[in-house]
């Protein structure tokens, strides 16, 4: 081709021929560029997903070629590689503070938290390329932040068999990260560097909408896309009402118009179309529950694992495109609702610590399912469940998506945290909690919690023997605090995060995640023979305690027959017993 062109150019020096040559080379260059921007998913005709290194290289090429794309390195992950953040802006401005000042809706997309569920990884690569090349338009009032692959360690641990329930791709990453942690249980406890780096990204962007792309496990049905939306009542306030009444219905309507009819996330195999099912409860350990603490509307798209990878990726693309479209249409309402909700959180006095389904209220949804039945298993010889694809159905189903708070507390004026609990202090700072340190040793009258009882799981869950319940007793006392201890006033937009982490009874509190287990162990004790002499003297000097002891022996036979229990009773009611044992070390300033 080059020789032919050279011949024409040498023999026919016309302006027309020069234009033809230039256009030819431009055409060839355009084809080469387009081929470079084709994803692994497209090259394999929907059979394969990208690798981690190819994914990052793809975004780097986009950023180098298009002014509306920017990529930067953020914090480290457990795998030793940094998270990358891709920013997409139609006016080539990549400053999140400027975005919010301009009232743009900030959308954060997270991919590959479970790398065996890669639909979002490939769909987002195509979406960003299509925005860059103007195949689809990113509205001026919407901007995107994208984490290309969050679980880098899991992505590098590639295999072909760990997702036995799933139809493709050919190979993929693993659910556990470099520590074998499930990162979608780590958004409050921060056992991974990934979670710490995510929090930095989250607060850097301060997103109005958060999308965390997944693939489901569970029942079989016709839908390719289901959607887990952060629970409306738990999100609460103006933004919760707007989500439920306006934004979410618009998403469902738009996806149906695109021929991708959605239904709410089907809650595992227990979902019963005849009885309906409950919405998934997304506590703060989950990505959507974490985002809700900051009045961010959060969504977990869950494509159906038994649909082909190609279909799942295309519907994920369609849903993200729909999110962008609806975010633009509702931009003014989104910004107003979130601003008002954050202001209300700052002023809110009472907060729920746990939630339960309101079984008296439900929405009616359209569900496209398959009839299920039981037949003899060729493996076990017993009855087994199966879904009959020859018998599809469309039903109106009850969806129990209304929750009520079970336990409510009044937020104090301030929390006081001794400086020795530095991990807790660091995590609060990471999440934009404002605090100041005492400038001198100070004795303050505070409310303290005494741990009277607690129950824990008996097998480890994500590196922890998590506490399930705790029984507390409030005591008011003077505590001597030291210079450098931290005071956290609760006139902040981060109050939801404070309550969920610092109140022991909250579902994902730092107490329940074992941050304070050191106080559950008694550090000092006594030898019975020595304590006998000291206790005798102490009771003689404190007749009131002696009277209480004698009365308890009269009313409690087991106690009366247990010398060790009696000695321990006297010890724990004496100044010799350490004050720190079972005293929760976060104190409340109520007034």
Protein backbone atom coordinates (compact mmCIF):
# COMPACT_ATOMS: atom_id res chain seq x y z
CA UNK A 1 0.00 0.00 0.00
CA UNK A 2 2.83 2.37 0.86
CA UNK A 3 4.58 1.71 -2.52
CA UNK A 4 1.40 2.39 -4.49
CA UNK A 5 0.81 5.62 -2.62
CA UNK A 6 4.43 6.67 -3.21
CA UNK A 7 3.98 6.05 -6.96
CA UNK A 8 0.86 8.19 -7.17
CA UNK A 9 2.42 10.92 -5.07
CA UNK A 10 5.59 10.99 -7.28
CA UNK A 11 3.75 11.12 -10.57
CA UNK A 12 0.65 13.12 -9.78
CA UNK A 13 1.45 16.18 -7.68
CA UNK A 14 -2.12 17.38 -7.52
CA UNK A 15 -3.65 18.84 -4.35
CA UNK A 16 -6.43 16.28 -4.59
CA UNK A 17 -3.99 13.39 -4.49
CA UNK A 18 -2.25 14.88 -1.44
CA UNK A 19 -5.60 15.11 0.37
CA UNK A 20 -6.40 11.50 -0.48
CA UNK A 21 -3.06 10.38 0.93
CA UNK A 22 -3.54 12.34 4.15
CA UNK A 23 -7.04 10.99 4.57
CA UNK A 24 -5.79 7.45 3.98
CA UNK A 25 -3.19 7.72 6.69
CA UNK A 26 -5.69 9.29 9.07
CA UNK A 27 -8.09 6.43 8.39
CA UNK A 28 -5.38 3.83 9.04
CA UNK A 29 -4.36 5.65 12.24
CA UNK A 30 -7.99 5.76 13.38
CA UNK A 31 -8.37 2.02 12.83
CA UNK A 32 -5.18 1.31 14.77
CA UNK A 33 -6.32 3.54 17.61
CA UNK A 34 -9.74 1.92 17.68
CA UNK A 35 -8.15 -1.52 17.84
CA UNK A 36 -6.02 -0.43 20.79
CA UNK A 37 -9.18 0.75 22.59
CA UNK A 38 -10.99 -2.53 22.08
CA UNK A 39 -11.33 -4.42 25.36
CA UNK A 40 -10.54 -8.06 26.08
CA UNK A 41 -14.26 -8.61 26.50
CA UNK A 42 -14.95 -7.33 22.97
CA UNK A 43 -12.00 -9.10 21.34
CA UNK A 44 -13.15 -12.43 22.83
CA UNK A 45 -16.78 -11.78 21.83
CA UNK A 46 -17.91 -11.74 25.44
CA UNK A 47 -16.03 -14.82 26.60
CA UNK A 48 -13.11 -13.33 28.56
CA UNK A 49 -12.49 -10.65 31.18
CA UNK A 50 -9.47 -8.37 31.36
CA UNK A 51 -6.50 -8.94 33.64
CA UNK A 52 -5.48 -6.40 36.26
CA UNK A 53 -2.44 -5.12 34.37
CA UNK A 54 -4.28 -4.89 31.04
CA UNK A 55 -7.12 -3.03 32.74
CA UNK A 56 -4.82 -0.36 34.19
CA UNK A 57 -2.92 -0.05 30.91
CA UNK A 58 -6.23 0.46 29.09
CA UNK A 59 -7.20 3.39 31.34
CA UNK A 60 -3.71 4.86 31.06
CA UNK A 61 -4.07 4.81 27.26
CA UNK A 62 -7.44 6.53 27.53
CA UNK A 63 -6.03 9.22 29.81
CA UNK A 64 -3.10 9.80 27.45
CA UNK A 65 -5.41 10.09 24.43
CA UNK A 66 -8.39 12.05 25.76
CA UNK A 67 -8.50 15.23 27.79
CA UNK A 68 -11.74 14.28 29.56
CA UNK A 69 -10.10 11.26 31.28
CA UNK A 70 -7.62 11.43 34.16
CA UNK A 71 -6.02 8.56 36.10
CA UNK A 72 -4.06 8.79 39.34
CA UNK A 73 -2.60 6.49 41.96
CA UNK A 74 -4.14 6.45 45.42
CA UNK A 75 -3.37 4.43 48.57
CA UNK A 76 -1.85 0.95 48.76
CA UNK A 77 -3.65 -2.39 48.93
CA UNK A 78 -2.72 -5.61 50.70
CA UNK A 79 -1.33 -6.88 47.39
CA UNK A 80 1.33 -4.15 47.43
CA UNK A 81 -0.15 -2.29 44.45
CA UNK A 82 -1.93 1.06 44.74
CA UNK A 83 -5.56 1.61 43.97
CA UNK A 84 -6.02 3.66 40.83
CA UNK A 85 -8.74 6.28 40.53
CA UNK A 86 -10.08 7.20 37.10
CA UNK A 87 -11.84 10.57 36.88
CA UNK A 88 -14.17 11.44 34.00
CA UNK A 89 -15.37 14.99 33.46
CA UNK A 90 -16.91 16.57 30.37
CA UNK A 91 -15.19 19.92 31.02
CA UNK A 92 -11.78 18.34 31.80
CA UNK A 93 -11.87 19.58 35.41
CA UNK A 94 -10.74 16.92 37.86
CA UNK A 95 -11.04 18.70 41.21
CA UNK A 96 -13.83 17.18 43.37
CA UNK A 97 -14.17 20.37 45.42
CA UNK A 98 -14.88 22.29 42.24
CA UNK A 99 -17.34 19.61 41.16
CA UNK A 100 -19.39 20.05 44.32
CA UNK A 101 -19.23 23.85 44.13
CA UNK A 102 -20.61 23.60 40.61
CA UNK A 103 -23.45 21.35 41.91
CA UNK A 104 -22.39 18.41 39.78
CA UNK A 105 -23.59 14.93 40.80
CA UNK A 106 -20.53 12.89 41.75
CA UNK A 107 -20.86 9.17 40.95
CA UNK A 108 -18.31 6.71 42.36
CA UNK A 109 -18.13 3.28 40.68
CA UNK A 110 -16.31 0.42 42.40
CA UNK A 111 -15.38 -2.72 40.49
CA UNK A 112 -13.84 -6.07 41.31
CA UNK A 113 -14.39 -6.14 45.06
CA UNK A 114 -15.05 -9.82 44.29
CA UNK A 115 -12.87 -10.37 41.19
CA UNK A 116 -14.66 -13.60 40.36
CA UNK A 117 -17.60 -11.29 39.59
CA UNK A 118 -15.94 -9.18 36.87
CA UNK A 119 -18.94 -7.86 34.94
CA UNK A 120 -18.49 -4.30 36.18
CA UNK A 121 -14.76 -4.27 35.40
CA UNK A 122 -15.28 -4.85 31.68
CA UNK A 123 -18.52 -2.89 31.40
CA UNK A 124 -16.92 0.20 32.95
CA UNK A 125 -13.91 0.02 30.64
CA UNK A 126 -16.26 0.15 27.63
CA UNK A 127 -18.40 2.85 29.23
CA UNK A 128 -15.45 5.18 29.89
CA UNK A 129 -14.05 4.62 26.40
CA UNK A 130 -17.44 5.40 24.88
CA UNK A 131 -17.66 8.59 26.94
CA UNK A 132 -14.12 9.55 25.88
CA UNK A 133 -14.87 9.00 22.20
CA UNK A 134 -18.26 10.75 22.50
CA UNK A 135 -20.16 7.62 21.52
CA UNK A 136 -22.28 8.37 24.57
CA UNK A 137 -22.53 11.79 26.18
CA UNK A 138 -21.56 12.45 29.77
CA UNK A 139 -23.86 15.31 30.83
CA UNK A 140 -22.22 18.48 32.10
CA UNK A 141 -23.86 18.09 35.53
CA UNK A 142 -22.51 14.54 36.17
CA UNK A 143 -18.92 13.45 36.85
CA UNK A 144 -17.49 9.99 37.43
CA UNK A 145 -14.88 8.50 39.74
CA UNK A 146 -13.95 4.88 39.05
CA UNK A 147 -11.91 2.31 40.95
CA UNK A 148 -11.01 -0.03 38.06
CA UNK A 149 -10.25 -3.09 40.24
CA UNK A 150 -10.55 -2.78 44.03
CA UNK A 151 -9.46 -6.27 45.11
CA UNK A 152 -6.13 -6.37 43.30
CA UNK A 153 -4.85 -9.39 45.24
CA UNK A 154 -7.94 -11.39 44.35
CA UNK A 155 -7.69 -10.29 40.72
CA UNK A 156 -4.11 -11.55 40.49
CA UNK A 157 -5.19 -14.91 41.98
CA UNK A 158 -6.75 -16.02 38.72
CA UNK A 159 -8.50 -19.38 38.22
CA UNK A 160 -11.23 -21.11 36.22
CA UNK A 161 -13.24 -22.99 38.83
CA UNK A 162 -13.94 -21.08 42.06
CA UNK A 163 -17.27 -19.66 40.80
CA UNK A 164 -18.99 -22.99 40.24
CA UNK A 165 -22.45 -21.35 40.15
CA UNK A 166 -21.48 -18.89 37.41
CA UNK A 167 -21.66 -18.97 33.58
CA UNK A 168 -18.34 -17.45 32.47
CA UNK A 169 -16.00 -15.82 31.83
CA UNK A 170 -13.34 -18.40 30.98
CA UNK A 171 -11.06 -17.33 33.84
CA UNK A 172 -11.37 -14.78 36.61
CA UNK A 173 -10.04 -13.66 39.98
CA UNK A 174 -10.79 -14.97 43.46
CA UNK A 175 -13.15 -13.60 46.12
CA UNK A 176 -10.59 -13.35 48.94
CA UNK A 177 -7.96 -10.61 48.79
CA UNK A 178 -4.23 -10.90 49.50
CA UNK A 179 -5.10 -11.61 53.17
CA UNK A 180 -7.96 -13.89 52.07
CA UNK A 181 -10.40 -11.29 53.41
CA UNK A 182 -13.82 -10.67 51.92
CA UNK A 183 -13.44 -6.94 51.30
CA UNK A 184 -17.19 -6.44 51.26
CA UNK A 185 -17.18 -7.09 55.00
CA UNK A 186 -14.32 -4.70 55.77
CA UNK A 187 -15.74 -1.20 55.30
CA UNK A 188 -16.01 -0.48 59.03
CA UNK A 189 -13.27 -2.57 60.66
CA UNK A 190 -10.39 -1.83 58.24
CA UNK A 191 -8.39 -5.03 58.49
CA UNK A 192 -7.12 -4.40 54.94
CA UNK A 193 -5.08 -1.61 53.40
CA UNK A 194 -7.67 -1.71 50.62
CA UNK A 195 -10.38 -0.47 52.98
CA UNK A 196 -8.21 2.34 54.33
CA UNK A 197 -7.37 3.48 50.80
CA UNK A 198 -11.03 3.21 49.80
CA UNK A 199 -12.03 5.54 52.66
CA UNK A 200 -9.48 8.08 51.42
CA UNK A 201 -10.98 7.90 47.93
CA UNK A 202 -14.54 8.06 49.23
CA UNK A 203 -13.97 11.21 51.25
CA UNK A 204 -11.80 12.75 48.52
CA UNK A 205 -14.72 12.42 46.10
CA UNK A 206 -17.60 12.76 48.61
CA UNK A 207 -19.92 10.96 46.16
CA UNK A 208 -23.62 11.60 45.85
CA UNK A 209 -24.15 8.18 44.26
CA UNK A 210 -22.12 5.02 44.86
CA UNK A 211 -22.24 1.91 42.63
CA UNK A 212 -20.52 -1.36 43.64
CA UNK A 213 -20.82 -3.90 40.80
CA UNK A 214 -21.38 -7.59 41.69
CA UNK A 215 -22.73 -10.94 40.45
CA UNK A 216 -25.35 -12.78 42.52
CA UNK A 217 -25.59 -16.21 44.06
CA UNK A 218 -28.90 -17.82 44.93
CA UNK A 219 -32.22 -18.57 43.27
CA UNK A 220 -32.80 -18.94 39.52
CA UNK A 221 -35.06 -16.51 37.62
CA UNK A 222 -35.41 -14.72 34.27
CA UNK A 223 -33.91 -11.35 35.21
CA UNK A 224 -30.32 -10.73 34.17
CA UNK A 225 -30.00 -7.72 36.47
CA UNK A 226 -31.19 -7.37 40.05
CA UNK A 227 -30.49 -4.34 42.20
CA UNK A 228 -29.63 -4.12 45.87
CA UNK A 229 -30.36 -0.58 47.00
CA UNK A 230 -29.24 0.64 50.40
CA UNK A 231 -32.24 0.37 52.68
CA UNK A 232 -34.30 3.54 52.43
CA UNK A 233 -35.24 3.94 56.11
CA UNK A 234 -31.68 3.32 57.26
CA UNK A 235 -30.41 5.88 54.75
CA UNK A 236 -33.15 8.04 56.19
CA UNK A 237 -34.31 11.61 55.93
CA UNK A 238 -34.90 13.57 52.76
CA UNK A 239 -32.39 11.56 50.75
CA UNK A 240 -33.96 8.24 51.80
CA UNK A 241 -37.42 9.41 50.75
CA UNK A 242 -36.11 10.78 47.46
CA UNK A 243 -34.32 7.51 46.73
CA UNK A 244 -37.40 5.40 47.35
CA UNK A 245 -40.06 7.60 45.81
CA UNK A 246 -38.23 9.16 42.86
CA UNK A 247 -34.78 7.98 41.87
CA UNK A 248 -35.13 4.21 42.26
CA UNK A 249 -38.45 4.00 40.32
CA UNK A 250 -36.83 6.03 37.53
CA UNK A 251 -34.00 3.50 37.31
CA UNK A 252 -36.42 0.58 36.99
CA UNK A 253 -38.49 2.35 34.35
CA UNK A 254 -35.43 3.26 32.28
CA UNK A 255 -33.93 -0.23 32.44
CA UNK A 256 -37.23 -1.75 31.32
CA UNK A 257 -37.25 0.66 28.37
CA UNK A 258 -33.75 -0.62 27.49
CA UNK A 259 -35.14 -4.21 27.51
CA UNK A 260 -33.31 -5.09 30.71
CA UNK A 261 -36.19 -5.44 33.20
CA UNK A 262 -34.82 -5.43 36.77
CA UNK A 263 -36.14 -6.59 40.08
CA UNK A 264 -34.81 -5.95 43.59
CA UNK A 265 -32.02 -8.24 44.74
CA UNK A 266 -33.44 -11.72 45.31
CA UNK A 267 -32.41 -12.60 48.85
CA UNK A 268 -30.78 -16.03 48.27
CA UNK A 269 -32.60 -19.34 47.82
CA UNK A 270 -35.07 -18.56 50.61
CA UNK A 271 -36.90 -16.01 48.44
CA UNK A 272 -40.44 -17.28 47.91
CA UNK A 273 -42.47 -15.62 45.12
CA UNK A 274 -45.72 -16.69 46.80
CA UNK A 275 -44.82 -15.13 50.16
CA UNK A 276 -42.43 -12.42 48.96
CA UNK A 277 -39.04 -11.66 50.47
CA UNK A 278 -37.26 -9.16 52.64
CA UNK A 279 -34.83 -6.52 51.43
CA UNK A 280 -31.20 -7.27 52.22
CA UNK A 281 -30.02 -5.56 55.41
CA UNK A 282 -26.77 -3.81 54.50
CA UNK A 283 -24.99 -2.93 57.72
CA UNK A 284 -21.97 -0.61 57.68
CA UNK A 285 -19.57 -3.53 57.11
CA UNK A 286 -20.90 -3.63 53.51
CA UNK A 287 -20.03 -1.04 50.89
CA UNK A 288 -23.59 0.26 50.48
CA UNK A 289 -24.16 0.36 54.24
CA UNK A 290 -20.93 2.29 54.72
CA UNK A 291 -21.86 4.83 52.04
CA UNK A 292 -25.27 5.34 53.66
CA UNK A 293 -23.57 6.65 56.83
CA UNK A 294 -22.66 9.73 54.82
CA UNK A 295 -26.07 10.25 53.14
CA UNK A 296 -24.84 8.77 49.85
CA UNK A 297 -27.34 6.83 47.73
CA UNK A 298 -25.70 3.44 47.24
CA UNK A 299 -26.44 0.60 44.83
CA UNK A 300 -25.10 -2.93 44.47
CA UNK A 301 -26.01 -4.24 41.00
CA UNK A 302 -26.22 -8.04 41.18
CA UNK A 303 -26.30 -9.69 37.76
CA UNK A 304 -27.64 -13.23 37.69
CA UNK A 305 -24.81 -15.77 37.83
CA UNK A 306 -26.48 -18.27 35.46
CA UNK A 307 -26.81 -15.77 32.61
CA UNK A 308 -23.91 -15.74 30.10
CA UNK A 309 -21.04 -13.37 30.91
CA UNK A 310 -21.72 -11.39 27.74
CA UNK A 311 -25.32 -10.63 28.76
CA UNK A 312 -24.33 -9.81 32.34
CA UNK A 313 -21.69 -7.33 31.22
CA UNK A 314 -24.00 -5.63 28.75
CA UNK A 315 -26.76 -5.17 31.34
CA UNK A 316 -24.20 -3.75 33.79
CA UNK A 317 -23.18 -1.26 31.10
CA UNK A 318 -26.84 -0.39 30.57
CA UNK A 319 -27.45 0.15 34.28
CA UNK A 320 -24.44 2.46 34.69
CA UNK A 321 -25.56 4.39 31.62
CA UNK A 322 -29.03 4.62 33.19
CA UNK A 323 -27.54 5.86 36.48
CA UNK A 324 -25.75 8.64 34.61
CA UNK A 325 -28.86 9.60 32.66
CA UNK A 326 -31.09 9.71 35.73
CA UNK A 327 -28.45 11.47 37.82
CA UNK A 328 -28.45 14.23 35.23
CA UNK A 329 -32.25 14.47 35.11
CA UNK A 330 -32.56 14.57 38.92
CA UNK A 331 -29.32 16.47 39.61
CA UNK A 332 -30.89 19.44 41.39
CA UNK A 333 -33.05 17.24 43.63
CA UNK A 334 -30.13 14.91 44.43
CA UNK A 335 -27.84 17.73 45.52
CA UNK A 336 -30.57 19.43 47.57
CA UNK A 337 -31.73 16.22 49.25
CA UNK A 338 -28.23 15.17 50.22
CA UNK A 339 -27.27 18.62 51.50
CA UNK A 340 -30.39 18.78 53.63
CA UNK A 341 -29.88 15.23 54.93
CA UNK A 342 -26.29 15.93 56.00
CA UNK A 343 -27.45 19.08 57.76
CA UNK A 344 -30.15 17.07 59.56
CA UNK A 345 -27.62 14.40 60.62
CA UNK A 346 -25.54 17.17 62.17
CA UNK A 347 -28.55 18.27 64.25
CA UNK A 348 -30.16 14.87 64.87
CA UNK A 349 -30.51 13.87 68.54
CA UNK A 350 -31.63 10.22 68.39
CA UNK A 351 -30.13 7.41 66.33
CA UNK A 352 -31.19 3.79 65.81
CA UNK A 353 -28.49 1.23 66.57
CA UNK A 354 -30.16 -1.79 64.94
CA UNK A 355 -32.99 -2.40 62.50
CA UNK A 356 -35.69 -4.97 61.77
CA UNK A 357 -38.15 -5.51 58.94
CA UNK A 358 -41.58 -3.97 59.31
CA UNK A 359 -43.71 -6.97 58.32
CA UNK A 360 -46.85 -4.83 58.07
CA UNK A 361 -45.60 -2.84 55.06
CA UNK A 362 -44.41 -3.92 51.63
CA UNK A 363 -44.11 -2.84 48.01
CA UNK A 364 -45.46 -4.95 45.16
CA UNK A 365 -42.92 -5.72 42.46
CA UNK A 366 -43.04 -7.57 39.15
CA UNK A 367 -40.94 -10.73 39.28
CA UNK A 368 -40.01 -12.84 36.24
CA UNK A 369 -39.27 -16.28 37.60
CA UNK A 370 -39.28 -19.98 36.84
CA UNK A 371 -41.43 -22.57 38.52
CA UNK A 372 -39.45 -24.63 41.02
CA UNK A 373 -39.97 -28.24 42.02
CA UNK A 374 -38.13 -31.22 43.46
CA UNK A 375 -36.86 -34.30 41.70
CA UNK A 376 -34.63 -37.27 42.54
CA UNK A 377 -30.94 -36.36 42.63
CA UNK A 378 -28.58 -38.47 40.50
CA UNK A 379 -25.81 -37.59 42.97
CA UNK A 380 -27.40 -38.31 46.35
CA UNK A 381 -30.55 -40.20 45.49
CA UNK A 382 -32.48 -37.69 47.60
CA UNK A 383 -34.85 -34.93 46.55
CA UNK A 384 -33.17 -31.89 45.04
CA UNK A 385 -34.42 -28.43 44.06
CA UNK A 386 -34.53 -27.44 40.40
CA UNK A 387 -35.96 -24.55 38.37
CA UNK A 388 -37.95 -25.46 35.27
CA UNK A 389 -36.99 -23.10 32.41
CA UNK A 390 -39.86 -24.48 30.36
CA UNK A 391 -42.26 -22.95 32.86
CA UNK A 392 -41.45 -19.22 33.16
CA UNK A 393 -43.90 -16.97 34.98
CA UNK A 394 -44.56 -13.31 35.72
CA UNK A 395 -45.93 -12.58 39.19
CA UNK A 396 -46.66 -9.66 41.45
CA UNK A 397 -44.56 -10.30 44.56
CA UNK A 398 -44.49 -8.71 48.00
CA UNK A 399 -41.18 -6.98 48.71
CA UNK A 400 -40.68 -6.11 52.38
CA UNK A 401 -38.49 -3.04 52.06
CA UNK A 402 -39.50 -1.05 55.15
CA UNK A 403 -37.38 -1.22 58.30
CA UNK A 404 -37.78 0.25 61.77
CA UNK A 405 -35.15 1.00 64.38
CA UNK A 406 -35.04 -1.48 67.26
CA UNK A 407 -32.68 0.23 69.70
CA UNK A 408 -32.37 4.02 69.84
CA UNK A 409 -29.90 6.16 71.77
CA UNK A 410 -29.60 9.88 72.34
CA UNK A 411 -26.30 11.11 71.01
CA UNK A 412 -24.15 12.82 73.67
CA UNK A 413 -22.69 16.30 73.43
CA UNK A 414 -19.27 14.72 72.96
CA UNK A 415 -17.31 11.47 73.14
CA UNK A 416 -13.97 11.39 74.94
CA UNK A 417 -11.40 8.85 73.73
CA UNK A 418 -8.19 8.21 75.69
CA UNK A 419 -5.19 8.59 73.38
CA UNK A 420 -4.07 5.00 73.93
CA UNK A 421 -6.91 3.80 71.69
CA UNK A 422 -5.04 5.19 68.71
CA UNK A 423 -6.43 2.80 66.08
CA UNK A 424 -9.96 4.00 66.82
CA UNK A 425 -8.81 7.63 66.74
CA UNK A 426 -7.00 7.10 63.44
CA UNK A 427 -10.06 5.50 61.82
CA UNK A 428 -12.32 8.33 62.94
CA UNK A 429 -9.88 10.85 61.44
CA UNK A 430 -9.74 8.79 58.24
CA UNK A 431 -13.51 9.27 57.94
CA UNK A 432 -13.36 13.04 58.35
CA UNK A 433 -14.40 13.11 62.02
CA UNK A 434 -13.20 16.32 63.64
CA UNK A 435 -11.69 16.20 67.14
CA UNK A 436 -9.31 18.07 69.41
CA UNK A 437 -6.88 16.94 72.09
CA UNK A 438 -6.93 18.02 75.73
CA UNK A 439 -4.15 20.50 76.42
CA UNK A 440 -3.66 19.41 80.02
CA UNK A 441 -4.62 16.65 82.43
CA UNK A 442 -8.27 17.17 83.32
CA UNK A 443 -10.82 15.48 85.58
CA UNK A 444 -14.26 15.41 83.91
CA UNK A 445 -17.66 14.14 85.07
CA UNK A 446 -18.79 11.71 82.36
CA UNK A 447 -21.11 8.82 81.64
CA UNK A 448 -19.36 5.48 81.25
CA UNK A 449 -20.58 2.06 80.15
CA UNK A 450 -19.95 -1.03 82.26
CA UNK A 451 -19.98 -4.28 80.27
CA UNK A 452 -22.26 -6.55 82.28
CA UNK A 453 -22.47 -9.37 79.76
CA UNK A 454 -21.73 -10.18 76.11
CA UNK A 455 -21.99 -13.11 73.74
CA UNK A 456 -19.64 -13.93 70.88
CA UNK A 457 -19.56 -16.25 67.88
CA UNK A 458 -17.60 -19.46 68.41
CA UNK A 459 -15.98 -19.56 64.96
CA UNK A 460 -13.91 -16.80 63.34
CA UNK A 461 -15.65 -14.50 60.88
CA UNK A 462 -13.36 -12.35 58.71
CA UNK A 463 -10.47 -12.60 61.21
CA UNK A 464 -12.66 -11.86 64.24
CA UNK A 465 -14.63 -13.62 66.94
CA UNK A 466 -17.32 -11.01 66.64
CA UNK A 467 -19.49 -10.13 69.62
CA UNK A 468 -23.15 -10.64 68.84
CA UNK A 469 -24.78 -8.95 71.82
CA UNK A 470 -23.73 -6.80 74.75
CA UNK A 471 -25.51 -5.86 77.97
CA UNK A 472 -24.55 -2.44 79.34
CA UNK A 473 -24.97 -0.47 82.51
CA UNK A 474 -24.51 3.30 82.51
CA UNK A 475 -22.56 4.80 85.39
CA UNK A 476 -21.77 8.44 86.00
CA UNK A 477 -18.37 9.13 87.47
CA UNK A 478 -15.39 11.39 87.45
CA UNK A 479 -12.59 10.22 85.18
CA UNK A 480 -9.10 11.67 85.16
CA UNK A 481 -8.12 12.28 81.53
CA UNK A 482 -4.61 13.00 80.34
CA UNK A 483 -3.15 15.63 78.11
CA UNK A 484 -3.56 14.39 74.53
CA UNK A 485 -6.81 12.49 75.08
CA UNK A 486 -9.28 13.26 72.30
CA UNK A 487 -12.64 15.05 72.54
CA UNK A 488 -15.12 14.53 69.70
CA UNK A 489 -18.06 16.94 69.66
CA UNK A 490 -21.17 15.61 67.92
CA UNK A 491 -22.18 18.65 65.90
CA UNK A 492 -20.84 17.00 62.73
CA UNK A 493 -22.16 15.56 59.48
CA UNK A 494 -20.23 12.39 60.42
CA UNK A 495 -22.48 11.69 63.43
CA UNK A 496 -23.92 8.54 61.85
CA UNK A 497 -20.43 7.10 61.54
CA UNK A 498 -19.64 8.07 65.14
CA UNK A 499 -22.74 6.36 66.54
CA UNK A 500 -22.36 3.21 64.43
CA UNK A 501 -18.75 2.72 65.53
CA UNK A 502 -18.60 4.04 69.12
CA UNK A 503 -21.91 2.85 70.58
CA UNK A 504 -21.26 -0.77 71.70
CA UNK A 505 -24.77 -1.99 70.89
CA UNK A 506 -24.65 -0.87 67.24
CA UNK A 507 -24.62 -3.75 64.75
CA UNK A 508 -21.10 -3.09 63.48
CA UNK A 509 -19.64 -1.18 66.42
CA UNK A 510 -15.95 -1.27 67.16
CA UNK A 511 -16.79 -3.09 70.39
CA UNK A 512 -18.51 -5.88 68.48
CA UNK A 513 -15.56 -6.09 66.08
CA UNK A 514 -13.18 -6.76 69.04
CA UNK A 515 -11.40 -3.38 69.08
CA UNK A 516 -11.78 -3.21 72.87
CA UNK A 517 -11.29 -6.83 73.90
CA UNK A 518 -8.36 -5.89 76.13
CA UNK A 519 -10.81 -4.46 78.69
CA UNK A 520 -12.61 -7.80 78.91
CA UNK A 521 -9.59 -9.43 80.52
CA UNK A 522 -8.76 -8.75 84.15
CA UNK A 523 -5.10 -7.78 84.48
CA UNK A 524 -4.60 -8.04 88.26
CA UNK A 525 -5.87 -10.60 90.78
CA UNK A 526 -5.15 -12.08 94.20
CA UNK A 527 -4.10 -15.21 96.02
CA UNK A 528 -7.00 -16.47 98.13
CA UNK A 529 -4.94 -16.95 101.28
CA UNK A 530 -3.58 -13.38 101.09
CA UNK A 531 -6.88 -11.81 100.14
CA UNK A 532 -8.60 -13.54 103.09
CA UNK A 533 -6.62 -11.34 105.51
CA UNK A 534 -7.04 -8.13 103.51
CA UNK A 535 -10.75 -8.77 102.90
CA UNK A 536 -11.39 -9.40 106.61
CA UNK A 537 -9.82 -6.06 107.49
CA UNK A 538 -11.66 -4.27 104.68
CA UNK A 539 -15.06 -5.63 105.75
CA UNK A 540 -14.38 -4.57 109.33
CA UNK A 541 -13.71 -1.04 108.08
CA UNK A 542 -16.75 -1.09 105.75
CA UNK A 543 -19.72 -2.56 107.65
CA UNK A 544 -22.19 -1.62 104.90
CA UNK A 545 -20.49 -3.97 102.44
CA UNK A 546 -20.36 -6.67 105.15
CA UNK A 547 -24.13 -6.34 105.60
CA UNK A 548 -24.69 -6.65 101.82
CA UNK A 549 -22.48 -9.75 101.78
CA UNK A 550 -24.44 -11.42 104.59
CA UNK A 551 -27.79 -10.63 102.99
CA UNK A 552 -26.62 -12.07 99.66
CA UNK A 553 -25.59 -15.31 101.42
CA UNK A 554 -29.07 -15.57 102.93
CA UNK A 555 -30.86 -15.21 99.59
CA UNK A 556 -28.44 -17.09 97.29
CA UNK A 557 -27.72 -20.66 98.38
CA UNK A 558 -25.14 -21.32 95.67
CA UNK A 559 -23.31 -18.15 96.64
CA UNK A 560 -23.45 -19.06 100.34
CA UNK A 561 -21.78 -22.40 99.60
CA UNK A 562 -19.06 -20.93 97.36
CA UNK A 563 -16.16 -19.40 99.28
CA UNK A 564 -14.36 -18.30 96.09
CA UNK A 565 -17.45 -16.43 94.88
CA UNK A 566 -17.73 -14.62 98.20
CA UNK A 567 -14.09 -13.57 98.14
CA UNK A 568 -14.48 -12.34 94.56
CA UNK A 569 -17.62 -10.40 95.52
CA UNK A 570 -15.74 -8.53 98.24
CA UNK A 571 -12.79 -7.96 95.89
CA UNK A 572 -14.92 -6.47 93.12
CA UNK A 573 -16.59 -4.11 95.58
CA UNK A 574 -13.29 -2.88 96.97
CA UNK A 575 -10.77 -0.29 95.73
CA UNK A 576 -8.33 -3.15 95.01
CA UNK A 577 -10.34 -4.18 91.95
CA UNK A 578 -9.07 -2.48 88.78
CA UNK A 579 -11.42 0.19 87.44
CA UNK A 580 -10.56 -0.52 83.79
CA UNK A 581 -11.88 -4.10 83.82
CA UNK A 582 -15.13 -4.25 81.81
CA UNK A 583 -15.35 -0.45 81.67
CA UNK A 584 -15.85 0.60 78.07
CA UNK A 585 -13.08 3.13 77.37
CA UNK A 586 -15.11 5.61 75.32
CA UNK A 587 -16.79 8.14 77.56
CA UNK A 588 -19.80 10.36 76.99
CA UNK A 589 -20.14 14.01 77.87
CA UNK A 590 -23.89 14.46 78.00
CA UNK A 591 -24.17 18.14 78.89
